[in-house]
Structure formats: structure tokens, C-alpha cells
Amino acid sequence: MATDKEFEIAREFEVDASPVEVWEALTTGTGGWLWPMEYEPREGGAAPFGGTVTHWEPPHRLSGRVENPEGLPPGRILNKIDLAVEPRDGGRRSWIRYVHSGVLTGDRDNQYDGASRHTDFYLHTLRQYLTYFPGLAVTFTTLEGPAPSAAPDAFTKLGRRLGLPDDASEGARVRVDAPGESLDAMVDFRSRLFIGLRTDTALYRFFGRNHFGAPVGISIHDFAPQADAKGTEMAWRDWLLRLYA
């Protein structure tokens, strides 16, 4: 008989951004590195996924808690986020502590592994956003592939369809075969599960969720002034459908 299991994922790191810039990224600028979310700016206010803000101390501490299973991913029955921000180097840099905790049920080990690995990729994207696109307005697009993209080799196919050499590691300059165009990009993250590409105007994130039994995913944080979320989604959806036809 399955039992519930508490979990905690904690990360600490420094960034070249002031506490105010970090706070804005964590509260009002989440579309630039994660996905768009809203916090009601007060203790007791509304938090994402039907949660509640349990601590609000700008620009130093933010906590939120969700206890509504209907507003949580499958298998998660309690979700808490605790964020702490402290100034470094006279406020020119910041130290961040991120703690994601809660209770899992069902396939707990797989869920924890997936959440932990996604956390590292999301927080890497946060650092990219704060370094290259701080405070810019963003157009966010996210989508997942069709059912065949859950196959074991699906993410390998995606990387090759992008035109990435198998040995293209972080820091490599590449030409990417995107829908309808070729992009000059920097590989800012590369692992068996994730690919991160940065251009002059956008962050492209590719998720090998097939390793967890789900379809592959794509998120695009586009900082170009004329970005079109609907057009971007349609173009990449067609790209995915053709890839996994």
C-alpha cells in the first residue's frame, strides 16, 4: 500500500543582480524564466495554483503554500515554496535560497527525480534571464509534443532535428533549424534531459520529459518587441507534429 512521502528540494546560489531585480523576477517577472504567475502582494493573499502567500517581505522573503490537490500536479498533495534573497557586494549581487517542499503520493521517486531535475533547469534559466534580459517584457509560449514524443528516443530525435551536433556542449555557438527560420544561438544548457538555447532576443527551453513517461515539451521566453505567442505556438506545434509523425 502506497504511503505519502514528504520531500524537499533546496538550492542556494548567487547572481549578478540586485535584490530588487531578483524580487521582481520571482514575483512579477516569472514569465521570463519559468511561466507567468501572479502573487497577491500581501500575507494571506492569493498565490499560484490556488495557494496562499504565507510570507511577504520584499525584497527578501517570499513563501507560498498550496493544500488543494485539485490545483496541484498529479501525485502532489501539498506544495510549498520558500524564497530568501540577501544582498551581496553592496547590493550589486544577490544570494538566493530556493526551497520547494511538500508531500508526494503515487510514483513518488519518479516525481521527486523529475521535480529535482526541472528545478535545476528552471533556476539556470532564472540566472540566464537576470544576466541577459533583466526586467524586459516577455512573450511566453509553452507546448508539449504529440503522444509519440513520449518514446524513449524522442528527445534525441528533437536535438538532431534542431541540428545540434551530438557533441555540442554548453557554450557552443550553433545554427538551429527552427520553424521557418534558422537561428544563431548559444547552447546555455545541455544534458540528457534538457536543452537550453539563447539567442539575442529569446530563451528556448526543451524538456526531455519522455524520460519520465510524458511527451517532450518546449517553452519559449521571447523578449522581442513584436513577438507573437499564438504564431509561435502554431509554428512549433507543427514542427513537433512533423517530427513525430
Foldseek 3Di string as FASTA:
>chain_A
DWDKDKDKAKDKDKAQAFLQLLQCCVAQVVVQQHNGWHWDQDAQTAGALRWGWHDHDPSFKTKIKDQDVVSDDPFFRIWMWIKGWDADPVRSMIMIMIMIIGMGIDPVVLVVVVVNVVVVRSVLSVRVCRVQPGPFDWDKAKDFFDLLQLDPCNVVLVCVQQVHDPPQAAQDWDWGDAQPDTATWGFHHDDPAWTWTDGNFKIKIWGSCSVSRDTIMIMMIGRDPPDDRVVRRVRVHVVRVVSRD
